[in-house]
N, C-alpha and C. Protein backbone atom coordinates (compact mmCIF):
# COMPACT_ATOMS: atom_id res chain seq x y z
N UNK A 1 -11.59 51.53 197.04
CA UNK A 1 -12.43 51.12 198.15
C UNK A 1 -12.81 49.63 198.04
N UNK A 2 -13.28 49.21 196.86
CA UNK A 2 -13.67 47.80 196.68
C UNK A 2 -12.50 46.86 196.89
N UNK A 3 -11.34 47.25 196.40
CA UNK A 3 -10.15 46.41 196.56
C UNK A 3 -9.82 46.24 198.04
N UNK A 4 -9.96 47.30 198.80
CA UNK A 4 -9.67 47.22 200.24
C UNK A 4 -10.65 46.28 200.94
N UNK A 5 -11.91 46.35 200.56
CA UNK A 5 -12.94 45.48 201.17
C UNK A 5 -12.66 44.03 200.81
N UNK A 6 -12.43 43.75 199.53
CA UNK A 6 -12.18 42.38 199.10
C UNK A 6 -10.89 41.84 199.71
N UNK A 7 -9.87 42.68 199.78
CA UNK A 7 -8.61 42.23 200.39
C UNK A 7 -8.82 41.81 201.84
N UNK A 8 -9.66 42.54 202.55
CA UNK A 8 -9.96 42.18 203.93
C UNK A 8 -10.72 40.87 204.02
N UNK A 9 -11.67 40.64 203.07
CA UNK A 9 -12.43 39.39 203.06
C UNK A 9 -11.50 38.22 202.68
N UNK A 10 -10.58 38.35 201.76
CA UNK A 10 -9.79 37.17 201.34
C UNK A 10 -8.91 36.69 202.44
N UNK A 11 -8.53 37.60 203.42
CA UNK A 11 -7.70 37.21 204.58
C UNK A 11 -8.45 36.27 205.50
N UNK A 12 -9.81 36.42 205.57
CA UNK A 12 -10.59 35.60 206.51
C UNK A 12 -11.36 34.48 205.82
N UNK A 13 -11.51 34.57 204.52
CA UNK A 13 -12.31 33.61 203.78
C UNK A 13 -11.43 32.52 203.20
N UNK A 14 -11.84 31.28 203.40
CA UNK A 14 -11.10 30.15 202.84
C UNK A 14 -11.37 30.08 201.34
N UNK A 15 -10.31 29.93 200.56
CA UNK A 15 -10.44 29.83 199.11
C UNK A 15 -9.71 28.56 198.68
N UNK A 16 -10.41 27.74 197.90
CA UNK A 16 -9.86 26.47 197.45
C UNK A 16 -9.69 26.49 195.94
N UNK A 17 -8.70 25.78 195.46
CA UNK A 17 -8.49 25.64 194.02
C UNK A 17 -8.85 24.21 193.63
N UNK A 18 -9.58 24.10 192.52
CA UNK A 18 -9.92 22.81 191.93
C UNK A 18 -9.05 22.70 190.68
N UNK A 19 -8.09 21.81 190.71
CA UNK A 19 -7.07 21.79 189.67
C UNK A 19 -7.11 20.52 188.84
N UNK A 20 -6.74 20.66 187.59
CA UNK A 20 -6.62 19.51 186.69
C UNK A 20 -5.15 19.19 186.47
N UNK A 21 -4.35 19.37 187.49
CA UNK A 21 -2.89 19.22 187.37
C UNK A 21 -2.41 17.79 187.39
N UNK A 22 -3.28 16.83 187.18
CA UNK A 22 -2.83 15.46 187.04
C UNK A 22 -2.81 14.64 188.31
N UNK A 23 -3.50 15.06 189.32
CA UNK A 23 -3.58 14.26 190.54
C UNK A 23 -2.53 14.63 191.56
N UNK A 24 -2.64 14.00 192.70
CA UNK A 24 -1.80 14.30 193.86
C UNK A 24 -0.32 14.10 193.57
N UNK A 25 0.04 13.03 192.84
CA UNK A 25 1.45 12.77 192.55
C UNK A 25 2.07 13.89 191.72
N UNK A 26 1.37 14.37 190.70
CA UNK A 26 1.89 15.45 189.87
C UNK A 26 1.98 16.75 190.65
N UNK A 27 0.99 17.00 191.51
CA UNK A 27 1.03 18.22 192.31
C UNK A 27 2.29 18.28 193.15
N UNK A 28 2.64 17.15 193.75
CA UNK A 28 3.84 17.12 194.60
C UNK A 28 5.12 17.09 193.77
N UNK A 29 5.13 16.34 192.68
CA UNK A 29 6.33 16.21 191.87
C UNK A 29 6.76 17.54 191.27
N UNK A 30 5.81 18.32 190.79
CA UNK A 30 6.14 19.57 190.11
C UNK A 30 5.99 20.80 191.00
N UNK A 31 5.74 20.60 192.27
CA UNK A 31 5.67 21.72 193.20
C UNK A 31 4.40 22.56 193.10
N UNK A 32 3.39 22.06 192.42
CA UNK A 32 2.15 22.82 192.26
C UNK A 32 1.45 23.04 193.59
N UNK A 33 1.53 22.04 194.47
CA UNK A 33 0.89 22.15 195.78
C UNK A 33 1.42 23.38 196.52
N UNK A 34 2.74 23.50 196.60
CA UNK A 34 3.34 24.65 197.28
C UNK A 34 3.00 25.96 196.58
N UNK A 35 2.95 25.91 195.24
CA UNK A 35 2.61 27.10 194.47
C UNK A 35 1.20 27.59 194.79
N UNK A 36 0.24 26.69 194.86
CA UNK A 36 -1.14 27.06 195.19
C UNK A 36 -1.23 27.64 196.60
N UNK A 37 -0.58 26.99 197.54
CA UNK A 37 -0.63 27.46 198.92
C UNK A 37 0.09 28.80 199.07
N UNK A 38 1.21 28.98 198.36
CA UNK A 38 1.94 30.25 198.40
C UNK A 38 1.14 31.38 197.75
N UNK A 39 0.30 31.04 196.79
CA UNK A 39 -0.52 32.05 196.11
C UNK A 39 -1.70 32.50 196.97
N UNK A 40 -1.91 31.83 198.10
CA UNK A 40 -2.96 32.26 199.01
C UNK A 40 -4.16 31.34 199.11
N UNK A 41 -4.16 30.26 198.33
CA UNK A 41 -5.26 29.30 198.46
C UNK A 41 -5.15 28.57 199.79
N UNK A 42 -6.30 28.29 200.39
CA UNK A 42 -6.32 27.59 201.66
C UNK A 42 -6.04 26.10 201.50
N UNK A 43 -6.45 25.56 200.37
CA UNK A 43 -6.27 24.14 200.10
C UNK A 43 -6.61 23.89 198.65
N UNK A 44 -6.53 22.65 198.20
CA UNK A 44 -6.78 22.33 196.81
C UNK A 44 -7.37 20.93 196.70
N UNK A 45 -8.07 20.70 195.61
CA UNK A 45 -8.53 19.38 195.24
C UNK A 45 -8.08 19.14 193.81
N UNK A 46 -7.60 17.94 193.52
CA UNK A 46 -7.27 17.63 192.14
C UNK A 46 -8.39 16.79 191.55
N UNK A 47 -8.61 16.95 190.26
CA UNK A 47 -9.68 16.21 189.59
C UNK A 47 -9.25 14.77 189.38
N UNK A 48 -10.10 13.90 189.37
CA UNK A 48 -11.53 13.92 189.55
C UNK A 48 -11.84 14.13 191.03
N UNK A 49 -12.69 15.09 191.30
CA UNK A 49 -13.04 15.37 192.69
C UNK A 49 -14.02 14.31 193.17
N UNK A 50 -13.62 13.62 194.21
CA UNK A 50 -14.46 12.60 194.79
C UNK A 50 -15.29 13.23 195.91
N UNK A 51 -16.55 12.86 196.04
CA UNK A 51 -17.38 13.46 197.08
C UNK A 51 -16.79 13.35 198.48
N UNK A 52 -16.19 12.20 198.80
CA UNK A 52 -15.62 12.04 200.14
C UNK A 52 -14.42 12.97 200.34
N UNK A 53 -13.66 13.28 199.27
CA UNK A 53 -12.52 14.19 199.39
C UNK A 53 -13.00 15.62 199.62
N UNK A 54 -14.07 16.01 198.94
CA UNK A 54 -14.64 17.33 199.15
C UNK A 54 -15.19 17.45 200.56
N UNK A 55 -15.91 16.43 201.02
CA UNK A 55 -16.43 16.43 202.39
C UNK A 55 -15.30 16.56 203.40
N UNK A 56 -14.23 15.79 203.20
CA UNK A 56 -13.10 15.82 204.13
C UNK A 56 -12.45 17.20 204.17
N UNK A 57 -12.32 17.84 203.00
CA UNK A 57 -11.72 19.17 202.96
C UNK A 57 -12.58 20.19 203.69
N UNK A 58 -13.87 20.13 203.45
CA UNK A 58 -14.76 21.08 204.12
C UNK A 58 -14.73 20.88 205.63
N UNK A 59 -14.76 19.63 206.07
CA UNK A 59 -14.70 19.36 207.51
C UNK A 59 -13.38 19.82 208.11
N UNK A 60 -12.31 19.71 207.34
CA UNK A 60 -10.99 20.13 207.80
C UNK A 60 -10.93 21.64 208.03
N UNK A 61 -11.62 22.42 207.22
CA UNK A 61 -11.47 23.87 207.26
C UNK A 61 -12.61 24.61 207.96
N UNK A 62 -13.76 23.97 208.11
CA UNK A 62 -14.87 24.65 208.78
C UNK A 62 -14.67 24.61 210.29
N UNK A 63 -15.00 25.71 210.97
CA UNK A 63 -14.90 25.70 212.44
C UNK A 63 -15.87 24.68 213.04
N UNK A 64 -15.41 23.95 214.02
CA UNK A 64 -16.22 22.88 214.63
C UNK A 64 -17.54 23.40 215.18
N UNK A 65 -17.55 24.64 215.68
CA UNK A 65 -18.78 25.17 216.25
C UNK A 65 -19.81 25.55 215.18
N UNK A 66 -19.42 25.51 213.90
CA UNK A 66 -20.34 25.82 212.80
C UNK A 66 -20.90 24.57 212.15
N UNK A 67 -20.44 23.40 212.56
CA UNK A 67 -20.88 22.15 211.95
C UNK A 67 -22.14 21.64 212.63
N UNK A 68 -23.12 21.29 211.82
CA UNK A 68 -24.36 20.69 212.29
C UNK A 68 -24.60 19.47 211.42
N UNK A 69 -24.74 18.32 212.04
CA UNK A 69 -24.95 17.10 211.30
C UNK A 69 -26.41 16.68 211.40
N UNK A 70 -26.93 16.18 210.30
CA UNK A 70 -28.30 15.71 210.24
C UNK A 70 -28.40 14.38 210.97
N UNK A 71 -29.15 14.35 212.04
CA UNK A 71 -29.25 13.12 212.83
C UNK A 71 -30.01 12.03 212.08
N UNK A 72 -30.78 12.40 211.06
CA UNK A 72 -31.52 11.41 210.27
C UNK A 72 -30.62 10.71 209.27
N UNK A 73 -29.41 11.22 209.03
CA UNK A 73 -28.50 10.61 208.07
C UNK A 73 -27.88 9.36 208.68
N UNK A 74 -28.27 8.22 208.13
CA UNK A 74 -27.77 6.95 208.66
C UNK A 74 -26.57 6.45 207.90
N UNK A 75 -26.21 7.15 206.82
CA UNK A 75 -25.08 6.72 206.02
C UNK A 75 -25.44 5.64 205.02
N UNK A 76 -26.72 5.25 204.97
CA UNK A 76 -27.14 4.22 204.03
C UNK A 76 -27.33 4.84 202.65
N UNK A 77 -27.08 4.04 201.63
CA UNK A 77 -27.24 4.51 200.25
C UNK A 77 -28.70 4.77 199.95
N UNK A 78 -28.94 5.77 199.12
CA UNK A 78 -30.31 6.08 198.73
C UNK A 78 -30.84 4.98 197.83
N UNK A 79 -32.15 4.83 197.78
CA UNK A 79 -32.76 3.74 197.04
C UNK A 79 -33.40 4.27 195.76
N UNK A 80 -32.61 4.61 194.76
CA UNK A 80 -33.11 4.98 193.44
C UNK A 80 -32.90 3.77 192.55
N UNK A 81 -33.92 3.40 191.81
CA UNK A 81 -33.82 2.23 190.94
C UNK A 81 -33.09 2.59 189.66
N UNK A 82 -31.98 1.92 189.41
CA UNK A 82 -31.26 2.12 188.16
C UNK A 82 -31.90 1.26 187.08
N UNK A 83 -31.94 1.75 185.84
CA UNK A 83 -32.51 0.94 184.75
C UNK A 83 -31.70 -0.34 184.55
N UNK A 84 -32.39 -1.44 184.26
CA UNK A 84 -31.72 -2.73 184.08
C UNK A 84 -30.71 -2.71 182.93
N UNK A 85 -31.05 -1.99 181.83
CA UNK A 85 -30.18 -1.96 180.65
C UNK A 85 -28.83 -1.31 180.93
N UNK A 86 -28.73 -0.55 182.00
CA UNK A 86 -27.49 0.17 182.30
C UNK A 86 -26.33 -0.79 182.55
N UNK A 87 -26.61 -1.93 183.14
CA UNK A 87 -25.54 -2.89 183.42
C UNK A 87 -25.09 -3.64 182.18
N UNK A 88 -25.83 -3.51 181.06
CA UNK A 88 -25.47 -4.21 179.82
C UNK A 88 -24.55 -3.39 178.92
N UNK A 89 -24.26 -2.14 179.27
CA UNK A 89 -23.43 -1.28 178.41
C UNK A 89 -21.96 -1.51 178.74
N UNK A 90 -21.18 -1.90 177.72
CA UNK A 90 -19.75 -2.12 177.99
C UNK A 90 -19.05 -0.82 178.40
N UNK A 91 -18.07 -0.96 179.24
CA UNK A 91 -17.22 0.14 179.70
C UNK A 91 -17.93 1.16 180.59
N UNK A 92 -19.14 0.88 181.00
CA UNK A 92 -19.83 1.76 181.96
C UNK A 92 -20.00 1.00 183.26
N UNK A 93 -19.55 1.60 184.34
CA UNK A 93 -19.67 0.99 185.65
C UNK A 93 -20.61 1.83 186.51
N UNK A 94 -21.85 1.39 186.67
CA UNK A 94 -22.78 2.17 187.51
C UNK A 94 -22.24 2.41 188.92
N UNK A 95 -21.56 1.43 189.49
CA UNK A 95 -21.00 1.61 190.84
C UNK A 95 -20.02 2.76 190.87
N UNK A 96 -19.10 2.82 189.90
CA UNK A 96 -18.12 3.90 189.85
C UNK A 96 -18.80 5.23 189.52
N UNK A 97 -19.79 5.19 188.64
CA UNK A 97 -20.52 6.42 188.29
C UNK A 97 -21.21 7.02 189.50
N UNK A 98 -21.83 6.18 190.28
CA UNK A 98 -22.50 6.64 191.51
C UNK A 98 -21.47 7.22 192.47
N UNK A 99 -20.33 6.55 192.58
CA UNK A 99 -19.26 7.03 193.46
C UNK A 99 -18.76 8.41 193.02
N UNK A 100 -18.51 8.58 191.72
CA UNK A 100 -18.00 9.85 191.22
C UNK A 100 -19.03 10.97 191.29
N UNK A 101 -20.30 10.63 191.11
CA UNK A 101 -21.35 11.66 191.09
C UNK A 101 -21.88 11.98 192.48
N UNK A 102 -21.67 11.11 193.44
CA UNK A 102 -22.11 11.38 194.79
C UNK A 102 -23.45 10.78 195.16
N UNK A 103 -24.07 10.06 194.26
CA UNK A 103 -25.34 9.42 194.57
C UNK A 103 -25.99 8.87 193.31
N UNK A 104 -26.99 8.01 193.51
CA UNK A 104 -27.64 7.38 192.37
C UNK A 104 -28.42 8.38 191.52
N UNK A 105 -29.16 9.28 192.15
CA UNK A 105 -29.94 10.24 191.37
C UNK A 105 -29.03 11.19 190.61
N UNK A 106 -27.94 11.61 191.24
CA UNK A 106 -26.98 12.49 190.57
C UNK A 106 -26.34 11.77 189.38
N UNK A 107 -26.09 10.48 189.53
CA UNK A 107 -25.54 9.67 188.44
C UNK A 107 -26.53 9.60 187.28
N UNK A 108 -27.79 9.35 187.57
CA UNK A 108 -28.81 9.30 186.52
C UNK A 108 -28.93 10.65 185.82
N UNK A 109 -28.87 11.74 186.58
CA UNK A 109 -28.93 13.07 185.99
C UNK A 109 -27.75 13.32 185.05
N UNK A 110 -26.55 12.87 185.47
CA UNK A 110 -25.35 13.03 184.63
C UNK A 110 -25.48 12.21 183.35
N UNK A 111 -26.02 11.00 183.45
CA UNK A 111 -26.23 10.17 182.27
C UNK A 111 -27.21 10.82 181.29
N UNK A 112 -28.27 11.41 181.82
CA UNK A 112 -29.25 12.09 180.96
C UNK A 112 -28.61 13.27 180.25
N UNK A 113 -27.80 14.03 180.97
CA UNK A 113 -27.12 15.18 180.38
C UNK A 113 -26.14 14.71 179.30
N UNK A 114 -25.41 13.63 179.57
CA UNK A 114 -24.49 13.07 178.57
C UNK A 114 -25.25 12.59 177.34
N UNK A 115 -26.33 11.85 177.54
CA UNK A 115 -27.11 11.33 176.42
C UNK A 115 -27.68 12.45 175.56
N UNK A 116 -28.06 13.54 176.16
CA UNK A 116 -28.61 14.68 175.42
C UNK A 116 -27.54 15.41 174.63
N UNK A 117 -26.27 15.23 175.02
CA UNK A 117 -25.20 15.98 174.37
C UNK A 117 -24.51 15.23 173.23
N UNK A 118 -24.86 13.95 173.01
CA UNK A 118 -24.22 13.18 171.94
C UNK A 118 -25.21 12.94 170.81
N UNK A 119 -24.67 12.62 169.62
CA UNK A 119 -25.53 12.41 168.46
C UNK A 119 -26.19 11.04 168.46
N UNK A 120 -25.47 10.02 168.91
CA UNK A 120 -26.02 8.67 168.91
C UNK A 120 -26.09 8.11 170.30
């Protein structure tokens, strides 16, 4: 009974794969893209998942009549103050970190989590 119910839901529900297959070029070179789609996935994202790529995928697959946009969203960056010392650390790019994390506060949260997980 449960298998029949789930089988019915997977036919109507979009399912995406988040893959570490080496990026778009590797997916196409080794046929992984076709393999994922043939296995029943609706679409895929390769890591590192960029916020704009996730947004684009969701917009591509969601029905237009289900989309509601926040009229207060002006597209301007949020104003979270980054610590001054952050720009002094070699090999760390706050701009890229913010881009990968999706925002300044999310970037700061990721840095705190990273700092808590290392010894020094």
